[in-house]
Every structure is written in structure tokens, then in C-alpha cells.
Amino acid sequence: MEKNASPFATVQEQEVNGEIFQITHRILQVPRETYLEVLAGHKHPFSEAGAQQFVEKYLAWCGEKNGVIGMVRISEKEGTVILDAAIRYRISRLERPSCHN
């Protein structure tokens, strides 16, 4: 299929200039008791929202103020809560790559 015949050819990108981010994954291994202690008042501690709140509190405790938390994957293994948090850090303001050059 030719590029112009693709349904993607009708997609328009609105933001050409924007922030450039570096995304890191922070994998936290947390004892289950600690996890529940930190989220004691949370209605659903094992939801994505609960996991994000834990990561927010952890980053604040570390003194990090620049990271923006994205998706957090949560799993449990042998009494340990494992959090895989995608965190974005702004690194520069540059022209963003585009498919429509």
C-alpha cells in the first residue's frame, strides 16, 4: 500500500514544537506490609491509582520533583509488591519528529 493511500495519511499532527521527554522505568520492590501502610487510607490500594499514589509518595520521599508519573504496572510475588512505573522527565525543548515531512 502506498503511503498516500493509507488511512494514516488523513491524520494531522497539531503540535509540531513541544517538549522532549526521557522516559525511565523505575521498578520498585516493596514489602506488602509497607505498601499497605503507605496507602492505609486509600480505598483501592491495588488499583493503578493506588500504585500511582505510592510512586508519587516514594518520589517525594526521594526528593524528586521533576518526574511526571505515567502508567504504573503492579504485581505481587511472595509477599512483595512490584511496581513498574513509567516516569517522564523533560530534557529539552526541540522540534519534535513528525511523519508528515
PDB file of N, CA and C in Angstrom:
ATOM      1  N   MET A   1       0.853  -1.180   0.000  1.00  0.00           N
ATOM      2  CA  MET A   1       0.000   0.000   0.000  1.00  0.00           C
ATOM      3  C   MET A   1       0.892   1.233   0.000  1.00  0.00           C
ATOM      4  N   GLU A   2       0.583   2.159  -0.905  1.00  0.00           N
ATOM      5  CA  GLU A   2       1.332   3.413  -0.947  1.00  0.00           C
ATOM      6  C   GLU A   2       1.028   4.238   0.289  1.00  0.00           C
ATOM      7  N   LYS A   3       1.998   5.033   0.699  1.00  0.00           N
ATOM      8  CA  LYS A   3       1.838   5.844   1.908  1.00  0.00           C
ATOM      9  C   LYS A   3       0.627   6.768   1.803  1.00  0.00           C
ATOM     10  N   ASN A   4       0.379   7.372   0.649  1.00  0.00           N
ATOM     11  CA  ASN A   4      -0.753   8.290   0.475  1.00  0.00           C
ATOM     12  C   ASN A   4      -2.087   7.573   0.481  1.00  0.00           C
ATOM     13  N   ALA A   5      -2.118   6.275   0.203  1.00  0.00           N
ATOM     14  CA  ALA A   5      -3.368   5.521   0.184  1.00  0.00           C
ATOM     15  C   ALA A   5      -3.755   5.005   1.564  1.00  0.00           C
ATOM     16  N   SER A   6      -2.883   5.137   2.527  1.00  0.00           N
ATOM     17  CA  SER A   6      -3.139   4.649   3.886  1.00  0.00           C
ATOM     18  C   SER A   6      -4.124   5.560   4.610  1.00  0.00           C
ATOM     19  N   PRO A   7      -4.966   4.988   5.492  1.00  0.00           N
ATOM     20  CA  PRO A   7      -5.850   5.834   6.298  1.00  0.00           C
ATOM     21  C   PRO A   7      -5.063   6.800   7.192  1.00  0.00           C
ATOM     22  N   PHE A   8      -3.797   6.470   7.509  1.00  0.00           N
ATOM     23  CA  PHE A   8      -2.984   7.358   8.337  1.00  0.00           C
ATOM     24  C   PHE A   8      -2.631   8.652   7.611  1.00  0.00           C
ATOM     25  N   ALA A   9      -2.732   8.662   6.294  1.00  0.00           N
ATOM     26  CA  ALA A   9      -2.423   9.866   5.519  1.00  0.00           C
ATOM     27  C   ALA A   9      -3.374  11.007   5.848  1.00  0.00           C
ATOM     28  N   THR A  10      -4.538  10.708   6.419  1.00  0.00           N
ATOM     29  CA  THR A  10      -5.512  11.744   6.768  1.00  0.00           C
ATOM     30  C   THR A  10      -5.302  12.306   8.164  1.00  0.00           C
ATOM     31  N   VAL A  11      -4.375  11.727   8.918  1.00  0.00           N
ATOM     32  CA  VAL A  11      -4.108  12.177  10.288  1.00  0.00           C
ATOM     33  C   VAL A  11      -3.292  13.457  10.244  1.00  0.00           C
ATOM     34  N   GLN A  12      -3.704  14.456  11.019  1.00  0.00           N
ATOM     35  CA  GLN A  12      -2.968  15.711  11.113  1.00  0.00           C
ATOM     36  C   GLN A  12      -2.387  15.846  12.516  1.00  0.00           C
ATOM     37  N   GLU A  13      -1.106  16.168  12.576  1.00  0.00           N
ATOM     38  CA  GLU A  13      -0.468  16.410  13.865  1.00  0.00           C
ATOM     39  C   GLU A  13      -0.604  17.884  14.197  1.00  0.00           C
ATOM     40  N   GLN A  14      -1.177  18.183  15.350  1.00  0.00           N
ATOM     41  CA  GLN A  14      -1.430  19.563  15.735  1.00  0.00           C
ATOM     42  C   GLN A  14      -0.229  20.258  16.356  1.00  0.00           C
ATOM     43  N   GLU A  15       0.532  19.541  17.164  1.00  0.00           N
ATOM     44  CA  GLU A  15       1.651  20.169  17.868  1.00  0.00           C
ATOM     45  C   GLU A  15       2.954  19.752  17.207  1.00  0.00           C
ATOM     46  N   VAL A  16       3.644  20.692  16.591  1.00  0.00           N
ATOM     47  CA  VAL A  16       4.908  20.388  15.948  1.00  0.00           C
ATOM     48  C   VAL A  16       6.074  20.699  16.876  1.00  0.00           C
ATOM     49  N   ASN A  17       5.994  21.812  17.589  1.00  0.00           N
ATOM     50  CA  ASN A  17       7.022  22.157  18.569  1.00  0.00           C
ATOM     51  C   ASN A  17       6.536  21.713  19.940  1.00  0.00           C
ATOM     52  N   GLY A  18       7.377  21.067  20.684  1.00  0.00           N
ATOM     53  CA  GLY A  18       6.937  20.637  22.002  1.00  0.00           C
ATOM     54  C   GLY A  18       8.096  20.200  22.867  1.00  0.00           C
ATOM     55  N   GLU A  19       7.747  19.791  24.035  1.00  0.00           N
ATOM     56  CA  GLU A  19       8.746  19.341  24.997  1.00  0.00           C
ATOM     57  C   GLU A  19       9.254  17.953  24.605  1.00  0.00           C
ATOM     58  N   ILE A  20      10.509  17.712  24.851  1.00  0.00           N
ATOM     59  CA  ILE A  20      11.110  16.404  24.628  1.00  0.00           C
ATOM     60  C   ILE A  20      11.303  15.764  26.001  1.00  0.00           C
ATOM     61  N   PHE A  21      10.855  14.537  26.125  1.00  0.00           N
ATOM     62  CA  PHE A  21      10.910  13.841  27.401  1.00  0.00           C
ATOM     63  C   PHE A  21      11.768  12.593  27.294  1.00  0.00           C
ATOM     64  N   GLN A  22      12.406  12.285  28.381  1.00  0.00           N
ATOM     65  CA  GLN A  22      13.072  10.998  28.534  1.00  0.00           C
ATOM     66  C   GLN A  22      12.179  10.186  29.453  1.00  0.00           C
ATOM     67  N   ILE A  23      11.885   8.969  29.068  1.00  0.00           N
ATOM     68  CA  ILE A  23      11.037   8.116  29.894  1.00  0.00           C
ATOM     69  C   ILE A  23      11.906   7.041  30.526  1.00  0.00           C
ATOM     70  N   THR A  24      11.793   6.938  31.831  1.00  0.00           N
ATOM     71  CA  THR A  24      12.518   5.895  32.552  1.00  0.00           C
ATOM     72  C   THR A  24      11.515   4.972  33.225  1.00  0.00           C
ATOM     73  N   HIS A  25      11.929   3.770  33.463  1.00  0.00           N
ATOM     74  CA  HIS A  25      11.105   2.829  34.227  1.00  0.00           C
ATOM     75  C   HIS A  25      11.781   2.640  35.571  1.00  0.00           C
ATOM     76  N   ARG A  26      11.034   2.893  36.603  1.00  0.00           N
ATOM     77  CA  ARG A  26      11.524   2.657  37.960  1.00  0.00           C
ATOM     78  C   ARG A  26      10.811   1.400  38.442  1.00  0.00           C
ATOM     79  N   ILE A  27      11.552   0.382  38.752  1.00  0.00           N
ATOM     80  CA  ILE A  27      10.962  -0.855  39.253  1.00  0.00           C
ATOM     81  C   ILE A  27      11.219  -0.903  40.749  1.00  0.00           C
ATOM     82  N   LEU A  28      10.129  -0.842  41.500  1.00  0.00           N
ATOM     83  CA  LEU A  28      10.202  -0.820  42.959  1.00  0.00           C
ATOM     84  C   LEU A  28       9.721  -2.156  43.510  1.00  0.00           C
ATOM     85  N   GLN A  29      10.485  -2.737  44.398  1.00  0.00           N
ATOM     86  CA  GLN A  29      10.086  -3.951  45.098  1.00  0.00           C
ATOM     87  C   GLN A  29       9.791  -3.548  46.535  1.00  0.00           C
ATOM     88  N   VAL A  30       8.532  -3.663  46.910  1.00  0.00           N
ATOM     89  CA  VAL A  30       8.060  -3.125  48.180  1.00  0.00           C
ATOM     90  C   VAL A  30       7.466  -4.262  49.017  1.00  0.00           C
ATOM     91  N   PRO A  31       7.884  -4.421  50.264  1.00  0.00           N
ATOM     92  CA  PRO A  31       7.202  -5.401  51.112  1.00  0.00           C
ATOM     93  C   PRO A  31       5.712  -5.058  51.179  1.00  0.00           C
ATOM     94  N   ARG A  32       4.871  -6.077  51.090  1.00  0.00           N
ATOM     95  CA  ARG A  32       3.416  -5.867  51.064  1.00  0.00           C
ATOM     96  C   ARG A  32       2.945  -5.037  52.252  1.00  0.00           C
ATOM     97  N   GLU A  33       3.510  -5.291  53.433  1.00  0.00           N
ATOM     98  CA  GLU A  33       3.110  -4.551  54.636  1.00  0.00           C
ATOM     99  C   GLU A  33       3.428  -3.057  54.492  1.00  0.00           C
ATOM    100  N   THR A  34       4.589  -2.753  53.933  1.00  0.00           N
ATOM    101  CA  THR A  34       4.984  -1.352  53.719  1.00  0.00           C
ATOM    102  C   THR A  34       4.038  -0.685  52.738  1.00  0.00           C
ATOM    103  N   TYR A  35       3.741  -1.386  51.650  1.00  0.00           N
ATOM    104  CA  TYR A  35       2.841  -0.850  50.625  1.00  0.00           C
ATOM    105  C   TYR A  35       1.491  -0.495  51.245  1.00  0.00           C
ATOM    106  N   LEU A  36       0.934  -1.412  52.027  1.00  0.00           N
ATOM    107  CA  LEU A  36      -0.368  -1.172  52.653  1.00  0.00           C
ATOM    108  C   LEU A  36      -0.297  -0.087  53.723  1.00  0.00           C
ATOM    109  N   GLU A  37       0.821   0.013  54.410  1.00  0.00           N
ATOM    110  CA  GLU A  37       0.985   1.067  55.421  1.00  0.00           C
ATOM    111  C   GLU A  37       0.973   2.451  54.769  1.00  0.00           C
ATOM    112  N   VAL A  38       1.708   2.598  53.676  1.00  0.00           N
ATOM    113  CA  VAL A  38       1.776   3.886  52.980  1.00  0.00           C
ATOM    114  C   VAL A  38       0.414   4.276  52.407  1.00  0.00           C
ATOM    115  N   LEU A  39      -0.356   3.298  51.949  1.00  0.00           N
ATOM    116  CA  LEU A  39      -1.664   3.569  51.336  1.00  0.00           C
ATOM    117  C   LEU A  39      -2.821   3.239  52.277  1.00  0.00           C
ATOM    118  N   ALA A  40      -2.600   3.385  53.563  1.00  0.00           N
ATOM    119  CA  ALA A  40      -3.600   2.992  54.568  1.00  0.00           C
ATOM    120  C   ALA A  40      -4.982   3.587  54.329  1.00  0.00           C
ATOM    121  N   GLY A  41      -5.087   4.825  53.904  1.00  0.00           N
ATOM    122  CA  GLY A  41      -6.392   5.448  53.703  1.00  0.00           C
ATOM    123  C   GLY A  41      -6.950   5.296  52.301  1.00  0.00           C
ATOM    124  N   HIS A  42      -6.229   4.641  51.418  1.00  0.00           N
ATOM    125  CA  HIS A  42      -6.670   4.523  50.027  1.00  0.00           C
ATOM    126  C   HIS A  42      -7.740   3.445  49.906  1.00  0.00           C
ATOM    127  N   LYS A  43      -8.807   3.780  49.209  1.00  0.00           N
ATOM    128  CA  LYS A  43      -9.947   2.862  49.081  1.00  0.00           C
ATOM    129  C   LYS A  43      -9.589   1.595  48.297  1.00  0.00           C
ATOM    130  N   HIS A  44      -8.771   1.731  47.259  1.00  0.00           N
ATOM    131  CA  HIS A  44      -8.379   0.595  46.413  1.00  0.00           C
ATOM    132  C   HIS A  44      -6.859   0.601  46.221  1.00  0.00           C
ATOM    133  N   PRO A  45      -6.111   0.167  47.217  1.00  0.00           N
ATOM    134  CA  PRO A  45      -4.651   0.272  47.139  1.00  0.00           C
ATOM    135  C   PRO A  45      -4.019  -0.536  45.998  1.00  0.00           C
ATOM    136  N   PHE A  46      -4.674  -1.587  45.542  1.00  0.00           N
ATOM    137  CA  PHE A  46      -4.088  -2.418  44.491  1.00  0.00           C
ATOM    138  C   PHE A  46      -4.595  -2.059  43.094  1.00  0.00           C
ATOM    139  N   SER A  47      -5.175  -0.880  42.968  1.00  0.00           N
ATOM    140  CA  SER A  47      -5.580  -0.363  41.661  1.00  0.00           C
ATOM    141  C   SER A  47      -4.413   0.430  41.064  1.00  0.00           C
ATOM    142  N   GLU A  48      -4.533   0.820  39.789  1.00  0.00           N
ATOM    143  CA  GLU A  48      -3.483   1.645  39.179  1.00  0.00           C
ATOM    144  C   GLU A  48      -3.381   2.987  39.899  1.00  0.00           C
ATOM    145  N   ALA A  49      -4.522   3.544  40.314  1.00  0.00           N
ATOM    146  CA  ALA A  49      -4.498   4.819  41.044  1.00  0.00           C
ATOM    147  C   ALA A  49      -3.752   4.675  42.369  1.00  0.00           C
ATOM    148  N   GLY A  50      -3.957   3.570  43.057  1.00  0.00           N
ATOM    149  CA  GLY A  50      -3.235   3.325  44.306  1.00  0.00           C
ATOM    150  C   GLY A  50      -1.743   3.191  44.063  1.00  0.00           C
ATOM    151  N   ALA A  51      -1.389   2.443  43.023  1.00  0.00           N
ATOM    152  CA  ALA A  51       0.023   2.256  42.691  1.00  0.00           C
ATOM    153  C   ALA A  51       0.668   3.594  42.324  1.00  0.00           C
ATOM    154  N   GLN A  52      -0.047   4.434  41.565  1.00  0.00           N
ATOM    155  CA  GLN A  52       0.488   5.750  41.207  1.00  0.00           C
ATOM    156  C   GLN A  52       0.688   6.615  42.453  1.00  0.00           C
ATOM    157  N   GLN A  53      -0.267   6.548  43.373  1.00  0.00           N
ATOM    158  CA  GLN A  53      -0.126   7.338  44.593  1.00  0.00           C
ATOM    159  C   GLN A  53       1.094   6.879  45.392  1.00  0.00           C
ATOM    160  N   PHE A  54       1.322   5.571  45.450  1.00  0.00           N
ATOM    161  CA  PHE A  54       2.502   5.071  46.159  1.00  0.00           C
ATOM    162  C   PHE A  54       3.771   5.621  45.513  1.00  0.00           C
ATOM    163  N   VAL A  55       3.848   5.560  44.186  1.00  0.00           N
ATOM    164  CA  VAL A  55       5.032   6.043  43.482  1.00  0.00           C
ATOM    165  C   VAL A  55       5.208   7.543  43.704  1.00  0.00           C
ATOM    166  N   GLU A  56       4.124   8.311  43.675  1.00  0.00           N
ATOM    167  CA  GLU A  56       4.193   9.758  43.960  1.00  0.00           C
ATOM    168  C   GLU A  56       4.815  10.011  45.324  1.00  0.00           C
ATOM    169  N   LYS A  57       4.332   9.284  46.328  1.00  0.00           N
ATOM    170  CA  LYS A  57       4.849   9.459  47.683  1.00  0.00           C
ATOM    171  C   LYS A  57       6.316   9.030  47.775  1.00  0.00           C
ATOM    172  N   TYR A  58       6.666   7.963  47.076  1.00  0.00           N
ATOM    173  CA  TYR A  58       8.044   7.489  47.078  1.00  0.00           C
ATOM    174  C   TYR A  58       8.961   8.533  46.443  1.00  0.00           C
ATOM    175  N   LEU A  59       8.563   9.085  45.286  1.00  0.00           N
ATOM    176  CA  LEU A  59       9.393  10.089  44.621  1.00  0.00           C
ATOM    177  C   LEU A  59       9.533  11.339  45.477  1.00  0.00           C
ATOM    178  N   ALA A  60       8.458  11.733  46.157  1.00  0.00           N
ATOM    179  CA  ALA A  60       8.530  12.890  47.060  1.00  0.00           C
ATOM    180  C   ALA A  60       9.520  12.604  48.186  1.00  0.00           C
ATOM    181  N   TRP A  61       9.483  11.400  48.728  1.00  0.00           N
ATOM    182  CA  TRP A  61      10.402  10.999  49.787  1.00  0.00           C
ATOM    183  C   TRP A  61      11.850  11.042  49.285  1.00  0.00           C
ATOM    184  N   CYS A  62      12.055  10.687  47.997  1.00  0.00           N
ATOM    185  CA  CYS A  62      13.398  10.733  47.398  1.00  0.00           C
ATOM    186  C   CYS A  62      13.847  12.158  47.097  1.00  0.00           C
ATOM    187  N   GLY A  63      12.915  13.110  47.139  1.00  0.00           N
ATOM    188  CA  GLY A  63      13.249  14.493  46.824  1.00  0.00           C
ATOM    189  C   GLY A  63      13.109  14.842  45.353  1.00  0.00           C
ATOM    190  N   GLU A  64      12.515  13.961  44.576  1.00  0.00           N
ATOM    191  CA  GLU A  64      12.335  14.215  43.152  1.00  0.00           C
ATOM    192  C   GLU A  64      11.076  15.044  42.928  1.00  0.00           C
ATOM    193  N   LYS A  65      11.236  16.124  42.155  1.00  0.00           N
ATOM    194  CA  LYS A  65      10.099  16.999  41.901  1.00  0.00           C
ATOM    195  C   LYS A  65       9.800  17.143  40.421  1.00  0.00           C
ATOM    196  N   ASN A  66      10.669  16.647  39.550  1.00  0.00           N
ATOM    197  CA  ASN A  66      10.534  16.903  38.121  1.00  0.00           C
ATOM    198  C   ASN A  66       9.887  15.777  37.325  1.00  0.00           C
ATOM    199  N   GLY A  67       9.761  14.617  37.898  1.00  0.00           N
ATOM    200  CA  GLY A  67       9.210  13.487  37.164  1.00  0.00           C
ATOM    201  C   GLY A  67       7.691  13.526  37.099  1.00  0.00           C
ATOM    202  N   VAL A  68       7.170  13.146  35.935  1.00  0.00           N
ATOM    203  CA  VAL A  68       5.725  13.027  35.750  1.00  0.00           C
ATOM    204  C   VAL A  68       5.422  11.541  35.610  1.00  0.00           C
ATOM    205  N   ILE A  69       4.610  11.029  36.516  1.00  0.00           N
ATOM    206  CA  ILE A  69       4.326   9.598  36.546  1.00  0.00           C
ATOM    207  C   ILE A  69       3.286   9.264  35.485  1.00  0.00           C
ATOM    208  N   GLY A  70       3.624   8.280  34.677  1.00  0.00           N
ATOM    209  CA  GLY A  70       2.689   7.766  33.684  1.00  0.00           C
ATOM    210  C   GLY A  70       2.044   6.502  34.217  1.00  0.00           C
ATOM    211  N   MET A  71       1.987   5.522  33.390  1.00  0.00           N
ATOM    212  CA  MET A  71       1.361   4.269  33.776  1.00  0.00           C
ATOM    213  C   MET A  71       2.218   3.517  34.794  1.00  0.00           C
ATOM    214  N   VAL A  72       1.550   2.881  35.732  1.00  0.00           N
ATOM    215  CA  VAL A  72       2.246   2.048  36.712  1.00  0.00           C
ATOM    216  C   VAL A  72       1.644   0.656  36.652  1.00  0.00           C
ATOM    217  N   ARG A  73       2.490  -0.319  36.418  1.00  0.00           N
ATOM    218  CA  ARG A  73       2.049  -1.708  36.406  1.00  0.00           C
ATOM    219  C   ARG A  73       2.323  -2.287  37.785  1.00  0.00           C
ATOM    220  N   ILE A  74       1.377  -3.032  38.301  1.00  0.00           N
ATOM    221  CA  ILE A  74       1.501  -3.572  39.656  1.00  0.00           C
ATOM    222  C   ILE A  74       1.337  -5.085  39.609  1.00  0.00           C
ATOM    223  N   SER A  75       2.186  -5.771  40.365  1.00  0.00           N
ATOM    224  CA  SER A  75       2.050  -7.224  40.509  1.00  0.00           C
ATOM    225  C   SER A  75       2.553  -7.605  41.902  1.00  0.00           C
ATOM    226  N   GLU A  76       2.232  -8.817  42.289  1.00  0.00           N
ATOM    227  CA  GLU A  76       2.667  -9.318  43.600  1.00  0.00           C
ATOM    228  C   GLU A  76       3.389 -10.631  43.427  1.00  0.00           C
ATOM    229  N   LYS A  77       4.428 -10.818  44.249  1.00  0.00           N
ATOM    230  CA  LYS A  77       5.160 -12.073  44.221  1.00  0.00           C
ATOM    231  C   LYS A  77       5.720 -12.338  45.611  1.00  0.00           C
ATOM    232  N   GLU A  78       5.246 -13.389  46.232  1.00  0.00           N
ATOM    233  CA  GLU A  78       5.766 -13.846  47.523  1.00  0.00           C
ATOM    234  C   GLU A  78       5.845 -12.741  48.568  1.00  0.00           C
ATOM    235  N   GLY A  79       4.743 -12.046  48.789  1.00  0.00           N
ATOM    236  CA  GLY A  79       4.701 -11.025  49.830  1.00  0.00           C
ATOM    237  C   GLY A  79       5.349  -9.709  49.450  1.00  0.00           C
ATOM    238  N   THR A  80       5.712  -9.559  48.170  1.00  0.00           N
ATOM    239  CA  THR A  80       6.328  -8.333  47.686  1.00  0.00           C
ATOM    240  C   THR A  80       5.456  -7.724  46.596  1.00  0.00           C
ATOM    241  N   VAL A  81       5.227  -6.430  46.683  1.00  0.00           N
ATOM    242  CA  VAL A  81       4.501  -5.707  45.640  1.00  0.00           C
ATOM    243  C   VAL A  81       5.559  -5.140  44.693  1.00  0.00           C
ATOM    244  N   ILE A  82       5.396  -5.430  43.415  1.00  0.00           N
ATOM    245  CA  ILE A  82       6.347  -4.957  42.410  1.00  0.00           C
ATOM    246  C   ILE A  82       5.645  -3.908  41.560  1.00  0.00           C
ATOM    247  N   LEU A  83       6.240  -2.718  41.527  1.00  0.00           N
ATOM    248  CA  LEU A  83       5.694  -1.604  40.757  1.00  0.00           C
ATOM    249  C   LEU A  83       6.665  -1.266  39.637  1.00  0.00           C
ATOM    250  N   ASP A  84       6.158  -1.230  38.421  1.00  0.00           N
ATOM    251  CA  ASP A  84       6.941  -0.785  37.267  1.00  0.00           C
ATOM    252  C   ASP A  84       6.325   0.533  36.826  1.00  0.00           C
ATOM    253  N   ALA A  85       6.986   1.633  37.166  1.00  0.00           N
ATOM    254  CA  ALA A  85       6.439   2.959  36.913  1.00  0.00           C
ATOM    255  C   ALA A  85       7.180   3.622  35.760  1.00  0.00           C
ATOM    256  N   ALA A  86       6.425   4.088  34.771  1.00  0.00           N
ATOM    257  CA  ALA A  86       6.995   4.880  33.687  1.00  0.00           C
ATOM    258  C   ALA A  86       6.971   6.338  34.137  1.00  0.00           C
ATOM    259  N   ILE A  87       8.137   6.968  34.166  1.00  0.00           N
ATOM    260  CA  ILE A  87       8.240   8.349  34.642  1.00  0.00           C
ATOM    261  C   ILE A  87       8.913   9.184  33.565  1.00  0.00           C
ATOM    262  N   ARG A  88       8.266  10.300  33.225  1.00  0.00           N
ATOM    263  CA  ARG A  88       8.791  11.196  32.196  1.00  0.00           C
ATOM    264  C   ARG A  88       9.554  12.343  32.843  1.00  0.00           C
ATOM    265  N   TYR A  89      10.699  12.660  32.251  1.00  0.00           N
ATOM    266  CA  TYR A  89      11.496  13.802  32.671  1.00  0.00           C
ATOM    267  C   TYR A  89      11.737  14.689  31.453  1.00  0.00           C
ATOM    268  N   ARG A  90      11.423  15.979  31.551  1.00  0.00           N
ATOM    269  CA  ARG A  90      11.666  16.900  30.450  1.00  0.00           C
ATOM    270  C   ARG A  90      13.164  17.085  30.300  1.00  0.00           C
ATOM    271  N   ILE A  91      13.670  16.936  29.079  1.00  0.00           N
ATOM    272  CA  ILE A  91      15.104  17.096  28.870  1.00  0.00           C
ATOM    273  C   ILE A  91      15.432  18.303  27.997  1.00  0.00           C
ATOM    274  N   SER A  92      14.536  18.737  27.102  1.00  0.00           N
ATOM    275  CA  SER A  92      14.802  19.923  26.295  1.00  0.00           C
ATOM    276  C   SER A  92      13.561  20.317  25.505  1.00  0.00           C
ATOM    277  N   ARG A  93      13.613  21.485  24.933  1.00  0.00           N
ATOM    278  CA  ARG A  93      12.530  21.957  24.087  1.00  0.00           C
ATOM    279  C   ARG A  93      13.066  22.020  22.657  1.00  0.00           C
ATOM    280  N   LEU A  94      12.654  21.069  21.817  1.00  0.00           N
ATOM    281  CA  LEU A  94      13.169  20.949  20.462  1.00  0.00           C
ATOM    282  C   LEU A  94      12.040  20.683  19.477  1.00  0.00           C
ATOM    283  N   GLU A  95      12.377  20.723  18.195  1.00  0.00           N
ATOM    284  CA  GLU A  95      11.423  20.304  17.177  1.00  0.00           C
ATOM    285  C   GLU A  95      11.172  18.814  17.389  1.00  0.00           C
ATOM    286  N   ARG A  96       9.933  18.445  17.409  1.00  0.00           N
ATOM    287  CA  ARG A  96       9.550  17.054  17.609  1.00  0.00           C
ATOM    288  C   ARG A  96       9.495  16.359  16.255  1.00  0.00           C
ATOM    289  N   PRO A  97       9.947  15.114  16.136  1.00  0.00           N
ATOM    290  CA  PRO A  97       9.888  14.415  14.848  1.00  0.00           C
ATOM    291  C   PRO A  97       8.445  14.227  14.393  1.00  0.00           C
ATOM    292  N   SER A  98       8.248  14.165  13.108  1.00  0.00           N
ATOM    293  CA  SER A  98       6.917  14.010  12.537  1.00  0.00           C
ATOM    294  C   SER A  98       6.972  13.044  11.362  1.00  0.00           C
ATOM    295  N   CYS A  99       5.861  12.392  11.097  1.00  0.00           N
ATOM    296  CA  CYS A  99       5.742  11.518   9.917  1.00  0.00           C
ATOM    297  C   CYS A  99       5.392  12.321   8.675  1.00  0.00           C
ATOM    298  N   HIS A 100       5.005  13.560   8.842  1.00  0.00           N
ATOM    299  CA  HIS A 100       4.485  14.373   7.735  1.00  0.00           C
ATOM    300  C   HIS A 100       5.502  15.387   7.242  1.00  0.00           C
ATOM    301  N   ASN A 101       6.717  14.955   6.991  1.00  0.00           N
ATOM    302  CA  ASN A 101       7.753  15.882   6.472  1.00  0.00           C
ATOM    303  C   ASN A 101       7.788  15.856   4.975  1.00  0.00           C
TER     304      ASN A 101
END
